[in-house]
Protein backbone atom coordinates (compact mmCIF):
# COMPACT_ATOMS: atom_id res chain seq x y z
CA MET A 1 -187.20 -21.69 72.80
CA ASN A 2 -184.27 -23.22 70.93
CA ASP A 3 -181.06 -22.07 69.31
CA THR A 4 -182.56 -21.91 65.82
CA GLN A 5 -184.70 -19.00 67.02
CA TYR A 6 -181.55 -17.11 67.96
CA ASN A 7 -179.90 -17.89 64.66
CA ARG A 8 -182.62 -15.81 63.01
CA ALA A 9 -181.37 -12.81 64.95
CA MET A 10 -178.56 -12.06 62.53
CA THR A 11 -179.50 -11.05 58.99
CA GLY A 12 -177.46 -9.53 56.22
CA GLU A 13 -179.80 -6.54 56.10
CA GLN A 14 -179.90 -5.70 59.82
CA PRO A 15 -176.82 -6.88 61.69
CA GLY A 16 -177.31 -4.37 64.48
CA ILE A 17 -174.40 -3.80 66.82
CA TRP A 18 -172.93 -7.10 65.64
CA ARG A 19 -171.60 -5.38 62.56
CA TRP A 20 -168.80 -4.53 65.01
CA SER A 21 -168.55 -7.97 66.62
CA ASP A 22 -164.79 -8.14 66.05
CA ARG A 23 -164.38 -5.17 68.43
CA LEU A 24 -166.84 -6.36 71.09
CA PRO A 25 -166.40 -9.02 73.78
CA GLU A 26 -166.97 -12.45 72.29
CA VAL A 27 -170.51 -13.83 72.27
CA ASP A 28 -171.52 -17.01 70.46
CA PRO A 29 -172.79 -15.81 67.03
CA ALA A 30 -175.89 -17.99 67.52
CA TYR A 31 -176.88 -15.49 70.22
CA HIS A 32 -176.19 -12.24 68.38
CA LEU A 33 -179.60 -10.75 69.14
CA THR A 34 -180.69 -7.56 67.43
CA LEU A 35 -183.62 -5.30 66.68
CA GLY A 36 -181.67 -3.81 63.77
CA GLU A 37 -180.22 -1.08 65.98
CA GLY A 38 -177.31 1.15 65.09
CA GLU A 39 -176.00 2.60 61.83
CA THR A 40 -178.10 5.68 62.57
CA PRO A 41 -177.65 8.78 60.42
CA LEU A 42 -175.35 11.64 61.30
CA GLN A 43 -177.33 14.67 60.16
CA GLU A 44 -175.72 18.08 59.71
CA VAL A 45 -177.97 21.05 60.41
CA GLU A 46 -176.53 24.56 60.40
CA GLY A 47 -173.03 23.32 61.12
CA ILE A 48 -174.03 21.00 63.98
CA TYR A 49 -173.88 17.22 63.61
CA PHE A 50 -176.81 15.37 65.15
CA LYS A 51 -176.40 11.64 65.81
CA ARG A 52 -179.96 10.40 65.24
CA GLU A 53 -180.35 7.73 67.89
CA ASP A 54 -184.07 8.52 67.93
CA LEU A 55 -184.21 6.49 64.69
CA ASN A 56 -183.29 3.21 66.41
CA PRO A 57 -186.04 0.55 66.28
CA SER A 58 -187.49 1.29 69.72
CA GLY A 59 -186.93 5.02 69.29
CA SER A 60 -183.92 5.40 71.56
CA VAL A 61 -180.22 4.76 72.04
CA LYS A 62 -181.09 2.10 74.64
CA ASP A 63 -181.34 -0.52 71.87
CA ARG A 64 -177.54 -0.60 71.58
CA GLY A 65 -176.84 -1.38 75.21
CA LEU A 66 -179.62 -3.92 75.57
CA ALA A 67 -178.67 -5.74 72.37
CA PHE A 68 -175.38 -6.71 73.97
CA GLN A 69 -176.81 -7.43 77.43
CA PHE A 70 -179.57 -9.71 76.17
CA SER A 71 -177.16 -11.50 73.83
CA TYR A 72 -174.54 -12.06 76.50
CA TYR A 73 -176.98 -13.40 79.08
CA ALA A 74 -178.99 -15.45 76.59
CA ALA A 75 -175.77 -17.21 75.59
CA LEU A 76 -175.36 -18.18 79.27
CA GLY A 77 -178.85 -19.66 79.32
CA HIS A 78 -180.84 -16.84 80.96
CA ARG A 79 -184.41 -16.31 79.80
CA SER A 80 -185.93 -14.15 82.58
CA PHE A 81 -184.96 -10.55 83.23
CA VAL A 82 -185.88 -7.48 85.26
CA ILE A 83 -185.21 -3.84 84.47
CA SER A 84 -185.81 -0.52 86.22
CA SER A 85 -186.33 2.39 83.88
CA SER A 86 -187.67 5.90 83.40
CA GLY A 87 -189.29 4.59 80.23
CA ASN A 88 -187.09 4.23 77.16
CA ALA A 89 -184.93 1.35 78.38
CA ALA A 90 -188.01 -0.61 79.42
CA ILE A 91 -189.64 -0.03 76.02
CA SER A 92 -186.50 -1.26 74.28
CA ALA A 93 -186.23 -4.28 76.58
CA ALA A 94 -189.89 -5.08 75.92
CA MET A 95 -189.22 -5.23 72.18
CA PHE A 96 -186.34 -7.66 72.72
CA ALA A 97 -188.47 -9.75 75.08
CA GLU A 98 -191.31 -9.93 72.58
CA LYS A 99 -189.05 -10.80 69.66
CA TYR A 100 -187.05 -13.50 71.43
CA GLY A 101 -189.59 -14.87 73.88
CA PHE A 102 -187.99 -13.66 77.11
CA GLU A 103 -189.84 -13.11 80.36
CA LEU A 104 -189.43 -9.47 81.41
CA THR A 105 -190.53 -7.53 84.47
CA ALA A 106 -190.20 -3.75 84.21
CA PHE A 107 -190.20 -1.51 87.27
CA VAL A 108 -191.01 2.12 86.51
CA SER A 109 -191.54 5.13 88.73
CA ASP A 110 -195.03 6.06 89.83
CA THR A 111 -194.40 9.37 88.02
CA VAL A 112 -193.39 7.78 84.69
CA ASP A 113 -194.59 9.48 81.50
CA GLU A 114 -198.12 8.23 80.83
CA GLN A 115 -197.56 7.51 77.14
CA LYS A 116 -194.48 5.42 77.90
CA LEU A 117 -196.43 3.56 80.59
CA GLN A 118 -199.22 2.73 78.15
CA MET A 119 -196.69 1.43 75.61
CA LEU A 120 -195.31 -0.94 78.25
CA ILE A 121 -198.73 -2.07 79.39
CA ALA A 122 -199.58 -2.91 75.77
CA ALA A 123 -196.42 -5.01 75.44
CA SER A 124 -195.85 -8.55 76.70
CA VAL A 125 -194.25 -7.26 79.89
CA ASN A 126 -195.00 -7.50 83.59
CA VAL A 127 -195.12 -3.78 84.51
CA LYS A 128 -194.81 -2.64 88.12
CA GLN A 129 -195.00 0.98 89.26
CA GLU A 130 -193.00 1.78 92.39
CA ALA A 131 -191.90 5.01 94.03
CA ARG A 132 -188.41 3.48 94.34
CA ALA A 133 -188.27 1.49 91.12
CA VAL A 134 -184.51 0.87 91.17
CA THR A 135 -184.58 -0.60 94.69
CA ALA A 136 -187.65 -2.68 93.90
CA ALA A 137 -185.97 -4.16 90.79
CA VAL A 138 -182.84 -5.08 92.75
CA ARG A 139 -184.95 -6.83 95.37
CA PHE A 140 -187.02 -8.62 92.72
CA ALA A 141 -183.90 -9.90 90.93
CA LYS A 142 -182.49 -11.32 94.17
CA ILE A 143 -185.74 -12.97 95.22
CA HIS A 144 -186.30 -14.62 91.84
CA GLY A 145 -182.65 -15.26 90.94
CA ILE A 146 -182.85 -13.48 87.60
CA VAL A 147 -180.70 -10.99 85.71
CA ASN A 148 -181.10 -7.30 86.52
CA LEU A 149 -180.43 -5.34 83.32
CA ARG A 150 -179.80 -2.04 85.12
CA PRO A 151 -176.99 -0.65 82.92
CA GLY A 152 -175.42 1.56 85.58
CA THR A 153 -174.43 -1.45 87.70
CA ASP A 154 -174.19 -4.29 85.19
CA GLU A 155 -170.59 -4.74 84.02
CA TRP A 156 -171.88 -5.47 80.49
CA GLY A 157 -174.27 -2.50 80.44
CA SER A 158 -172.00 -0.08 78.59
CA ILE A 159 -170.57 -2.43 75.94
CA GLY A 160 -173.19 -1.96 73.22
CA TYR A 161 -172.74 1.80 73.36
CA GLN A 162 -169.14 1.45 72.21
CA THR A 163 -170.59 1.12 68.71
CA LEU A 164 -171.51 4.81 68.85
CA GLY A 165 -167.80 5.63 68.90
CA TYR A 166 -167.04 3.21 66.09
CA GLU A 167 -169.79 4.65 63.89
CA LEU A 168 -169.00 8.29 64.54
CA GLU A 169 -165.32 7.88 63.73
CA GLN A 170 -166.33 6.18 60.49
CA GLN A 171 -168.98 8.78 59.61
CA LEU A 172 -166.74 11.77 60.35
CA GLY A 173 -163.51 10.21 59.16
CA GLY A 174 -162.08 10.32 62.66
CA ALA A 175 -162.40 14.10 63.03
CA ILE A 176 -164.66 14.55 66.05
CA GLY A 177 -164.96 17.71 68.09
CA SER A 178 -166.83 18.26 71.34
CA MET A 179 -169.57 15.66 71.90
CA PHE A 180 -172.59 16.53 74.01
CA PHE A 181 -174.40 13.82 75.98
CA PRO A 182 -177.55 13.80 78.13
CA VAL A 183 -176.50 12.09 81.34
CA SER A 184 -178.58 10.15 83.85
CA SER A 185 -176.66 7.00 84.82
CA GLY A 186 -173.94 8.01 82.34
CA THR A 187 -173.66 4.51 80.87
CA THR A 188 -174.08 5.73 77.29
CA LEU A 189 -171.27 8.26 77.72
CA VAL A 190 -168.92 5.68 79.24
CA GLY A 191 -169.60 3.15 76.50
CA ALA A 192 -169.30 5.63 73.64
CA ALA A 193 -166.07 7.05 75.09
CA ASN A 194 -164.53 3.59 75.16
CA GLY A 195 -165.42 3.16 71.48
CA PHE A 196 -163.27 6.07 70.29
CA VAL A 197 -159.68 5.60 69.24
CA GLU A 198 -159.12 9.24 70.23
CA LYS A 199 -161.69 10.44 72.73
CA PRO A 200 -163.27 13.82 71.94
CA PRO A 201 -164.06 16.38 74.64
CA LEU A 202 -167.01 14.83 76.49
CA MET A 203 -169.70 17.31 77.51
CA VAL A 204 -172.19 16.30 80.22
CA VAL A 205 -175.64 17.92 80.05
CA GLN A 206 -178.20 17.61 82.85
CA GLY A 207 -181.45 19.31 83.79
CA SER A 208 -181.95 21.84 86.56
CA ARG A 209 -183.84 19.44 88.84
CA ILE A 210 -181.33 16.58 89.07
CA HIS A 211 -177.69 17.22 88.16
CA PRO A 212 -175.23 15.29 90.36
CA VAL A 213 -172.59 14.84 87.64
CA ALA A 214 -172.65 18.33 86.12
CA SER A 215 -172.46 19.86 89.60
CA LYS A 216 -169.30 17.92 90.39
CA LEU A 217 -167.84 19.25 87.15
CA GLY A 218 -168.34 22.80 88.38
CA SER A 219 -171.50 23.70 86.50
CA MET A 220 -173.85 26.10 88.25
CA GLY A 221 -177.58 26.52 87.82
CA GLU A 222 -180.70 27.43 89.74
CA ASP A 223 -182.57 24.33 90.91
CA GLU A 224 -186.13 23.85 89.67
CA GLU A 225 -188.83 21.71 91.27
CA SER A 226 -189.51 19.87 88.01
CA SER A 227 -187.70 19.36 84.74
CA LEU A 228 -188.80 18.74 81.16
CA ALA A 229 -185.93 16.22 81.02
CA THR A 230 -188.03 13.48 82.65
CA GLY A 231 -185.66 10.70 81.61
CA LEU A 232 -182.62 12.21 83.32
CA VAL A 233 -183.55 11.13 86.83
CA ALA A 234 -180.58 9.32 88.39
CA ARG A 235 -179.61 10.91 91.70
CA TYR A 236 -177.21 8.10 92.54
CA VAL A 237 -174.69 7.45 89.74
CA PRO A 238 -172.67 4.23 90.28
CA ARG A 239 -170.26 5.13 87.47
CA MET A 240 -169.65 8.64 88.84
CA GLU A 241 -165.88 8.38 89.28
CA GLN A 242 -165.45 6.80 85.85
CA ILE A 243 -167.53 9.54 84.21
CA LEU A 244 -165.67 12.34 85.98
CA ALA A 245 -162.32 10.84 85.01
CA LEU A 246 -163.34 10.58 81.34
CA VAL A 247 -164.65 14.14 81.20
CA GLN A 248 -161.59 15.56 82.89
CA GLU A 249 -159.23 13.46 80.75
CA THR A 250 -160.82 14.84 77.57
CA GLU A 251 -161.05 18.41 78.89
CA GLY A 252 -164.82 18.29 78.69
CA ARG A 253 -167.33 20.17 80.81
CA GLY A 254 -170.64 19.87 82.61
CA VAL A 255 -173.66 22.00 81.74
CA ILE A 256 -176.91 22.44 83.68
CA VAL A 257 -179.91 23.70 81.70
CA ASN A 258 -183.30 24.91 82.89
CA ASN A 259 -186.75 24.31 81.46
CA GLN A 260 -186.80 27.55 79.50
CA GLU A 261 -183.54 26.60 77.77
CA ILE A 262 -184.81 23.07 77.06
CA GLU A 263 -188.05 24.43 75.59
CA ALA A 264 -186.13 26.82 73.34
CA ALA A 265 -183.96 23.96 72.05
CA PHE A 266 -187.06 21.79 71.56
CA GLU A 267 -188.66 24.48 69.41
CA TRP A 268 -185.41 24.96 67.44
CA LEU A 269 -185.34 21.26 66.62
CA GLU A 270 -189.04 21.13 65.81
CA LYS A 271 -188.70 23.97 63.29
CA ARG A 272 -185.97 21.96 61.57
CA TYR A 273 -188.08 18.80 61.43
CA LEU A 274 -186.19 16.93 64.13
CA PRO A 275 -189.03 15.43 66.22
CA VAL A 276 -187.16 14.36 69.34
CA SER A 277 -187.95 14.16 73.04
CA TYR A 278 -187.31 16.80 75.67
CA ASP A 279 -184.45 14.64 76.97
CA ALA A 280 -182.79 14.82 73.55
CA SER A 281 -183.55 18.56 73.30
CA THR A 282 -181.73 19.00 76.62
CA VAL A 283 -178.47 18.15 74.84
CA LEU A 284 -178.89 20.90 72.27
CA ALA A 285 -179.83 23.28 75.09
CA GLY A 286 -176.53 22.39 76.77
CA TYR A 287 -174.57 23.16 73.62
CA MET A 288 -176.37 26.47 73.13
CA LYS A 289 -175.73 27.50 76.73
CA ALA A 290 -172.06 26.50 76.62
CA LYS A 291 -171.57 28.41 73.38
CA ASN A 292 -173.31 31.52 74.73
CA GLU A 293 -171.15 31.41 77.86
CA GLY A 294 -167.94 31.26 75.82
CA VAL A 295 -166.99 27.72 76.82
CA SER A 296 -164.21 26.28 74.67
CA ILE A 297 -165.90 23.98 72.13
CA GLN A 298 -164.07 22.01 69.46
CA GLU A 299 -165.45 21.59 65.95
CA PRO A 300 -167.16 19.62 64.50
CA VAL A 301 -169.70 19.49 67.30
CA VAL A 302 -171.68 16.26 67.72
CA ILE A 303 -174.96 16.22 69.62
CA LEU A 304 -176.45 12.90 70.64
CA LEU A 305 -180.21 12.87 70.04
CA THR A 306 -181.05 9.95 72.29
CA GLY A 307 -184.78 9.44 71.83
CA ARG A 308 -187.80 10.25 69.73
CA ARG A 309 -190.85 12.14 70.86
CA ARG A 310 -193.45 9.73 72.27
């Protein structure tokens, strides 16, 4: 691999997150790697604004964060990487690895969605299933001396998501109301928040099986043994204090939704031709529940649809 391969990364048609390079930490332009992520539509449906991150190249918001991480580390000479993922981040990383010739090992849970697993197996990726995928990836990175792309602990993991804030302020002319996020590690929320000139109320939505952040924000809900939100699985959240501070600073809230509420939101979206995942539907479920419970919500409401249906 040589630098000329990286120079092909930037095109006039698909600059990706690097459209905003003047606002991001400096990376040699020769290493501005991209799948063509970002500049996703903001679609208004019945008075709600949906940020269509499911329309990113890999089908999820993860493309933004990984575009910066891969670019930053490639500029330092790294070519081998490891990632632990519930599915979408690994799929995105696999697309970058295939496009730019990186060596990638992906650790996924032994309960990972079967369709996502088959997508990874079909890619040029070393896939390993482990009950404790996060721990296994950390160990693997140390043994082999390679970069661990886990966004929740990598200091560069949230940077690419700042472009969500830049885009939304441009698309809405700066007038942003309450913004609802699905939260696992919370890296997307942290990055997007840091991209706003004026931060909107940040609303954390989590499923009824795993909800460490929403619980700390005072949200109540009956625990369920399983959740349709299979991508929201982080029990340990390294950025917890940062997330709580941002939500409290913006007078946001936490919302816990159950499977019945997620299914209802999924069907609502499906009827309006928005084919997104259950994780993305969880966000709409959170908005619906907050509205029904009389929670103070500022208009215009923005809901982050993080991933497409697989």
